[in-house]
Structure formats: structure tokens, C-alpha cells
Protein backbone atom coordinates (compact mmCIF):
# COMPACT_ATOMS: atom_id res chain seq x y z
CA MET A 1 -44.61 22.76 6.01
CA THR A 2 -40.90 22.31 5.20
CA LYS A 3 -39.33 25.18 3.29
CA ALA A 4 -36.10 25.13 1.25
CA PHE A 5 -34.44 27.56 -1.15
CA ILE A 6 -31.76 28.25 -3.70
CA VAL A 7 -29.72 31.39 -3.12
CA GLY A 8 -27.53 33.13 -5.68
CA HIS A 9 -27.03 36.37 -7.60
CA PRO A 10 -28.53 36.41 -10.17
CA ILE A 11 -30.92 33.52 -9.58
CA LYS A 12 -33.83 33.77 -12.02
CA HIS A 13 -32.17 31.35 -14.48
CA SER A 14 -32.01 28.49 -11.94
CA ARG A 15 -33.83 25.25 -12.80
CA SER A 16 -33.59 23.96 -9.23
CA PRO A 17 -37.14 25.09 -8.31
CA LEU A 18 -38.42 23.09 -11.28
CA ILE A 19 -36.55 19.99 -10.12
CA HIS A 20 -37.55 20.16 -6.46
CA GLY A 21 -41.08 21.27 -7.29
CA HIS A 22 -41.47 18.17 -9.48
CA TRP A 23 -40.31 15.93 -6.63
CA LEU A 24 -42.58 17.60 -4.07
CA LYS A 25 -45.54 16.97 -6.36
CA THR A 26 -44.45 13.43 -7.29
CA TYR A 27 -44.10 12.32 -3.66
CA GLY A 28 -47.14 14.27 -2.40
CA LEU A 29 -45.12 16.26 0.12
CA GLU A 30 -46.10 19.48 1.88
CA GLY A 31 -43.25 21.82 1.17
CA SER A 32 -41.84 24.67 -0.88
CA TYR A 33 -38.61 25.49 -2.67
CA GLU A 34 -37.99 29.08 -3.70
CA ARG A 35 -35.44 31.29 -5.41
CA ILE A 36 -33.79 33.95 -3.25
CA ASP A 37 -31.57 36.60 -4.82
CA VAL A 38 -28.93 37.81 -2.38
CA GLU A 39 -26.07 40.13 -3.29
CA PRO A 40 -22.62 39.05 -2.07
CA VAL A 41 -22.42 41.87 0.48
CA ASN A 42 -25.54 40.50 2.19
CA PHE A 43 -24.82 36.78 1.99
CA GLY A 44 -23.22 36.42 5.43
CA GLU A 45 -26.29 37.91 7.09
CA PHE A 46 -28.59 35.66 5.03
CA LEU A 47 -26.61 32.55 5.97
CA LYS A 48 -26.94 33.21 9.70
CA ALA A 49 -30.61 34.16 9.49
CA PHE A 50 -32.19 31.52 7.22
CA PRO A 51 -33.04 29.03 10.04
CA ALA A 52 -34.95 31.76 11.90
CA ARG A 53 -36.89 32.42 8.71
CA GLY A 54 -38.22 28.87 8.87
CA PHE A 55 -36.04 27.25 6.22
CA ALA A 56 -34.75 23.70 6.70
CA GLY A 57 -31.90 24.45 4.30
CA GLY A 58 -31.20 25.10 0.68
CA ASN A 59 -28.85 25.18 -2.26
CA VAL A 60 -26.13 27.74 -2.89
CA THR A 61 -25.07 28.76 -6.37
CA ILE A 62 -22.80 31.34 -8.00
CA PRO A 63 -21.27 33.49 -6.57
CA HIS A 64 -21.80 32.29 -2.99
CA LYS A 65 -20.30 28.77 -2.82
CA GLU A 66 -16.96 29.85 -1.35
CA ALA A 67 -18.63 32.25 1.10
CA ALA A 68 -20.95 29.44 2.21
CA PHE A 69 -17.91 27.22 2.76
CA ALA A 70 -16.38 29.86 5.01
CA GLY A 71 -19.60 30.74 6.83
CA VAL A 72 -21.20 27.43 7.85
CA ASP A 73 -20.73 25.96 11.32
CA ARG A 74 -19.68 22.51 10.10
CA ARG A 75 -18.72 20.97 6.76
CA THR A 76 -18.72 17.44 5.37
CA ALA A 77 -15.40 15.88 4.41
CA ARG A 78 -16.51 16.19 0.78
CA ALA A 79 -16.99 19.96 1.10
CA GLU A 80 -13.65 20.27 2.87
CA ARG A 81 -11.90 18.61 -0.07
CA VAL A 82 -13.56 20.78 -2.70
CA GLY A 83 -13.40 24.07 -0.79
CA ALA A 84 -16.95 25.05 -1.71
CA VAL A 85 -20.47 24.44 -0.37
CA ASN A 86 -23.61 24.10 -2.49
CA THR A 87 -26.01 22.46 -0.02
CA LEU A 88 -27.05 23.70 3.44
CA TRP A 89 -29.13 22.14 6.19
CA VAL A 90 -29.76 22.64 9.90
CA GLU A 91 -29.08 19.85 12.39
CA ASP A 92 -29.49 20.37 16.14
CA GLY A 93 -29.17 24.12 15.64
CA THR A 94 -25.97 23.76 13.62
CA ILE A 95 -25.71 24.93 9.99
CA TRP A 96 -24.02 22.24 7.92
CA GLY A 97 -22.54 22.54 4.44
CA ASP A 98 -21.93 19.87 1.81
CA ASN A 99 -20.81 19.76 -1.82
CA THR A 100 -23.16 17.52 -3.79
CA ASP A 101 -21.66 18.42 -7.17
CA VAL A 102 -19.20 15.62 -6.43
CA VAL A 103 -21.87 12.91 -6.14
CA GLY A 104 -23.95 14.56 -8.86
CA PHE A 105 -21.22 14.23 -11.46
CA MET A 106 -20.25 10.69 -10.49
CA ALA A 107 -23.85 9.46 -10.28
CA HIS A 108 -24.51 10.77 -13.77
CA LEU A 109 -21.38 9.03 -15.12
CA ASP A 110 -22.48 5.77 -13.53
CA ARG A 111 -26.04 6.12 -14.84
CA SER A 112 -24.88 7.02 -18.35
CA LEU A 113 -22.01 4.56 -18.73
CA GLY A 114 -22.95 1.67 -16.44
CA THR A 115 -21.13 0.45 -13.36
CA GLY A 116 -17.50 -0.46 -13.84
CA TRP A 117 -16.83 2.08 -16.59
CA GLU A 118 -13.71 3.23 -14.76
CA GLN A 119 -12.04 -0.14 -15.33
CA ASP A 120 -11.34 1.06 -18.88
CA VAL A 121 -9.93 4.42 -17.76
CA ASP A 122 -6.31 4.84 -16.70
CA THR A 123 -6.06 8.59 -17.29
CA ALA A 124 -8.64 11.37 -17.04
CA LEU A 125 -8.11 14.81 -18.56
CA VAL A 126 -10.10 17.54 -16.80
CA LEU A 127 -10.38 20.85 -18.63
CA GLY A 128 -10.69 23.83 -16.27
CA ALA A 129 -9.65 24.42 -12.67
CA GLY A 130 -12.59 26.26 -11.10
CA GLY A 131 -15.07 25.09 -8.50
CA ALA A 132 -16.75 22.61 -10.84
CA ALA A 133 -13.39 21.12 -11.78
CA ARG A 134 -12.58 20.65 -8.10
CA ALA A 135 -15.82 18.72 -7.60
CA VAL A 136 -15.15 16.58 -10.67
CA VAL A 137 -11.58 15.80 -9.61
CA ALA A 138 -12.69 14.96 -6.06
CA GLY A 139 -15.25 12.52 -7.46
CA LEU A 140 -12.76 10.89 -9.82
CA GLN A 141 -10.26 10.52 -6.98
CA ASP A 142 -12.66 8.07 -5.33
CA ARG A 143 -12.32 5.71 -8.30
CA PRO A 144 -9.34 3.48 -9.21
CA LEU A 145 -7.85 5.74 -11.88
CA LYS A 146 -4.07 5.95 -12.26
CA ARG A 147 -3.72 9.57 -13.32
CA ILE A 148 -5.78 12.77 -13.48
CA LEU A 149 -4.48 15.71 -15.53
CA VAL A 150 -5.91 19.19 -14.90
CA ALA A 151 -5.51 21.64 -17.80
CA ASN A 152 -6.31 25.32 -17.40
CA ARG A 153 -5.70 28.47 -19.41
CA THR A 154 -4.06 29.92 -16.29
CA LEU A 155 -1.61 27.22 -15.28
CA ALA A 156 -1.23 28.60 -11.74
CA LYS A 157 -4.89 27.85 -11.04
CA ALA A 158 -4.42 24.22 -12.11
CA GLU A 159 -1.36 24.06 -9.87
CA ASP A 160 -3.43 25.39 -6.95
CA LEU A 161 -6.06 22.68 -7.52
CA VAL A 162 -3.39 19.97 -7.60
CA ARG A 163 -1.81 21.34 -4.43
CA ASP A 164 -5.14 21.37 -2.61
CA LEU A 165 -6.46 17.99 -3.76
CA GLY A 166 -3.30 16.03 -4.43
CA GLY A 167 -2.77 12.95 -2.29
CA THR A 168 -6.43 12.47 -1.36
CA GLY A 169 -7.03 9.57 -3.78
CA PRO A 170 -5.19 6.72 -5.53
CA ALA A 171 -4.67 8.63 -8.80
CA ALA A 172 -1.61 10.78 -9.44
CA LEU A 173 -2.81 14.35 -9.92
CA ALA A 174 -0.86 16.71 -12.19
CA PRO A 175 -1.35 20.20 -13.69
CA LEU A 176 -1.15 20.72 -17.44
CA ALA A 177 -0.66 23.86 -19.48
CA TRP A 178 -3.57 24.56 -21.85
CA GLU A 179 -1.29 24.24 -24.88
CA GLY A 180 -0.38 20.74 -23.70
CA ILE A 181 -3.91 19.36 -24.19
CA GLY A 182 -3.19 18.09 -27.72
CA SER A 183 -0.24 15.99 -26.63
CA ALA A 184 -2.19 14.62 -23.63
CA LEU A 185 -5.29 13.56 -25.59
CA PRO A 186 -3.91 10.25 -27.00
CA GLY A 187 -3.41 8.92 -23.47
CA ALA A 188 -6.72 10.12 -21.99
CA GLN A 189 -9.59 7.63 -21.85
CA LEU A 190 -11.86 10.17 -20.11
CA ILE A 191 -12.07 13.85 -21.12
CA VAL A 192 -14.21 16.21 -19.01
CA ASN A 193 -14.95 19.85 -19.87
CA THR A 194 -15.71 21.88 -16.74
CA THR A 195 -15.18 25.30 -18.38
CA SER A 196 -17.88 27.58 -19.78
CA LEU A 197 -16.49 27.12 -23.30
CA GLY A 198 -19.24 25.73 -25.51
CA MET A 199 -22.02 27.20 -23.38
CA ALA A 200 -24.64 29.27 -25.19
CA GLY A 201 -23.16 32.73 -25.74
CA GLN A 202 -19.58 31.55 -25.13
CA PRO A 203 -16.84 30.58 -27.60
CA PRO A 204 -16.64 26.87 -28.51
CA LEU A 205 -14.11 24.57 -26.91
CA ALA A 206 -11.56 24.11 -29.68
CA ILE A 207 -9.74 20.83 -29.17
CA ASP A 208 -9.03 18.16 -31.78
CA LEU A 209 -10.70 14.95 -30.65
CA ASP A 210 -9.16 13.08 -33.58
CA ARG A 211 -6.20 12.63 -31.25
CA ALA A 212 -8.31 10.98 -28.54
CA PRO A 213 -8.16 7.17 -28.31
CA ALA A 214 -10.94 5.05 -29.77
CA GLY A 215 -13.45 4.23 -27.05
CA ALA A 216 -12.69 7.38 -25.05
CA ILE A 217 -15.45 8.93 -22.94
CA VAL A 218 -16.15 12.64 -23.43
CA ALA A 219 -18.19 14.45 -20.77
CA ASP A 220 -19.27 18.08 -20.71
CA ILE A 221 -20.89 19.70 -17.66
CA VAL A 222 -22.40 22.43 -19.86
CA TYR A 223 -26.10 21.72 -20.45
CA VAL A 224 -27.18 24.77 -22.49
CA PRO A 225 -27.01 23.61 -25.24
CA LEU A 226 -27.42 19.97 -24.26
CA GLU A 227 -25.18 18.83 -27.12
CA THR A 228 -22.19 21.15 -27.11
CA SER A 229 -19.77 21.37 -30.02
CA LEU A 230 -17.41 19.14 -28.00
CA LEU A 231 -20.05 16.41 -27.59
CA ALA A 232 -21.09 16.72 -31.25
CA ALA A 233 -17.47 16.21 -32.32
CA ALA A 234 -17.14 13.23 -29.97
CA SER A 235 -20.32 11.65 -31.35
CA ALA A 236 -19.09 12.15 -34.91
CA ARG A 237 -15.99 10.15 -33.96
CA GLY A 238 -18.07 7.39 -32.37
CA LEU A 239 -16.86 8.18 -28.86
CA ARG A 240 -19.05 7.71 -25.77
CA THR A 241 -20.57 10.97 -24.57
CA VAL A 242 -22.06 12.23 -21.30
CA ASP A 243 -24.03 15.49 -21.30
CA GLY A 244 -24.20 18.05 -18.50
CA LEU A 245 -27.86 17.87 -17.53
CA GLY A 246 -27.56 14.72 -15.43
CA MET A 247 -25.05 16.34 -13.06
CA LEU A 248 -27.58 19.10 -12.35
CA LEU A 249 -30.32 16.56 -11.64
CA HIS A 250 -28.28 14.15 -9.53
CA GLN A 251 -26.62 16.83 -7.38
CA ALA A 252 -30.12 17.82 -6.20
CA VAL A 253 -30.90 14.41 -4.66
CA PRO A 254 -28.95 14.63 -1.36
CA GLY A 255 -30.36 18.05 -0.48
CA PHE A 256 -33.96 17.01 -1.10
CA ARG A 257 -33.40 13.97 1.11
CA ARG A 258 -32.00 16.18 3.90
CA TRP A 259 -34.84 18.71 3.83
CA PHE A 260 -37.89 16.64 2.98
CA GLY A 261 -36.97 13.17 4.26
CA VAL A 262 -37.48 11.32 0.97
CA THR A 263 -34.77 10.11 -1.42
CA PRO A 264 -36.04 11.22 -4.85
CA GLU A 265 -35.38 9.49 -8.15
CA VAL A 266 -33.90 11.08 -11.24
CA THR A 267 -36.35 9.79 -13.84
CA PRO A 268 -36.76 10.24 -17.60
CA ALA A 269 -39.86 12.33 -16.84
CA LEU A 270 -37.84 14.78 -14.72
CA ARG A 271 -35.11 15.01 -17.35
CA ALA A 272 -37.70 15.68 -20.06
CA LEU A 273 -39.35 18.38 -17.92
CA VAL A 274 -36.10 20.29 -17.36
CA LEU A 275 -34.94 19.79 -20.93
CA ALA A 276 -38.22 21.22 -22.26
CA ASP A 277 -37.77 24.27 -20.04
CA ILE A 278 -34.20 24.76 -21.29
CA GLU A 279 -35.22 24.43 -24.91
CA GLY A 280 -38.13 26.79 -24.38
CA SER A 281 -35.83 29.51 -23.08
CA THR A 282 -33.15 29.30 -25.78
């Protein structure tokens, strides 16, 4: 029986076991997917030992993604670009690391907006400069955008992101001071929130979408609540919106394929299952 896991600290909030458990049942596969809570001081030992414990691989979540990046034997080009690993697997005795947040975000955009949506986008404005922002920027760099602006409350962190990822795609990549968001909005056809602002228990993301162009796309990777104040404001203006739940679902696909040998589908039934669990816990 194939075994996989998600490791983090804390980990009890993770919906990944619900997602992978649904797929195991749907495809009639013998396997398991479990939560494992590992404190940062013990993560290096866990990473080396998980193959001997019979695991084919697993997912890595906060706060271990950077440590996983440093600790694996080999990394995909995608993980190298982002500087973080969220998916592990063993191949010929070698522990590999990938970052599937990149494909998760882009797959959800494509599913929500339809293929070719990027033809209407010259400039993307990414809010935040953490690990999620790096994955989002890396994904957008694979599309024919002209410019990607990265705004962060600490400008130096946005500058670090631009330094690390600049020049790896056709779009010009530039940092932006947080107070410059208002002046950048009129020229941004895609606005992506990668910060925790708007998440349940956090302050709202206070930006004035009245300055965004008509027809702009507003995406938020926060999925609790599913409709953040940012998405509600975008909907009120008649802008296209993309919620955060799809990124969570789509990023799980490559790992499941690696461990269990089946490429699973992100279906309305899976989305409804996870959404019901989220709503039941809030």
C-alpha cells in the first residue's frame, strides 16, 4: 500500500488529507495520506528518514518549505526558481523536491478564466513578496505578460524577489512600494493578493478597486473566507474574480500523480467537499 503525508507545524488545519482521501476513494486505490506534525528543529531528521518509514513522498507546508528546499537531494527547475519546496517524492533512492504552487495557481486561473485570458493582460500587480508570491510570479512569468509589479509592505523583500526571479521570463519584473499601489492600479489588468490580509482573523486588504481598469481580473489566494473583502469589492465593480480555493486543489494534482500513479481531476464534487469542511469550521 502506497503511503504519503503532509508535514508541517501546526498541521491539524490542513485540508490536504481531505483532498487526497477523496481521490484515493474515487479511483479505488490502496493508499493512505496522513498529517504529520514536525517541529522545525526535527524537520531535517524527518526529511532524511521518511523513505525508510515506507512513505513514497508527501507535501510540505508552513514552516518547512524553505528547509525542504535546502534538504532534498535534487530539485525541479520550478522549485529552483521559487526557492521553496512543497512536494516530495523518492526516485531511485533520491529525494526530489518540487513546487506545485506554481502550477496550482496557473491551472486555477486557466480553469476559472478560460484559455487565452492572458492576451488581455499587459501588466500584473502582485501584492506580497513571500513564498506564495514567488510561486505566483514564477507562474505568470511563463505567460506573455509585459510587466509584473510586486508590491510589499517591506520594499526590500519585494526587491529581493525581483532580484531572484528577474530575467527568467518575458515580462519586466519590478518592485513597488506599498504606498504606490493606488497609482499602479489603473494600469494593472490582473491584481493578485498573496498576503494574509483578508484572511479570517486578519485585517482586510484596504485598496481602492475603483481605480482598477474595467475588465480587470482580481485574484486572491486566501480561501477562508472564500469571498474575501477584496473579491467582494471586485464583484461589486463587475470585475472578474478568482478565489483561492482552486489553487489549493490544483497544486495537489502533481503530487498525487507522483505517489499513486493516477492523474486526478479537480471536480465540482471535490470543491464542494472541501468548501463544506471550511464552512463547517468557521
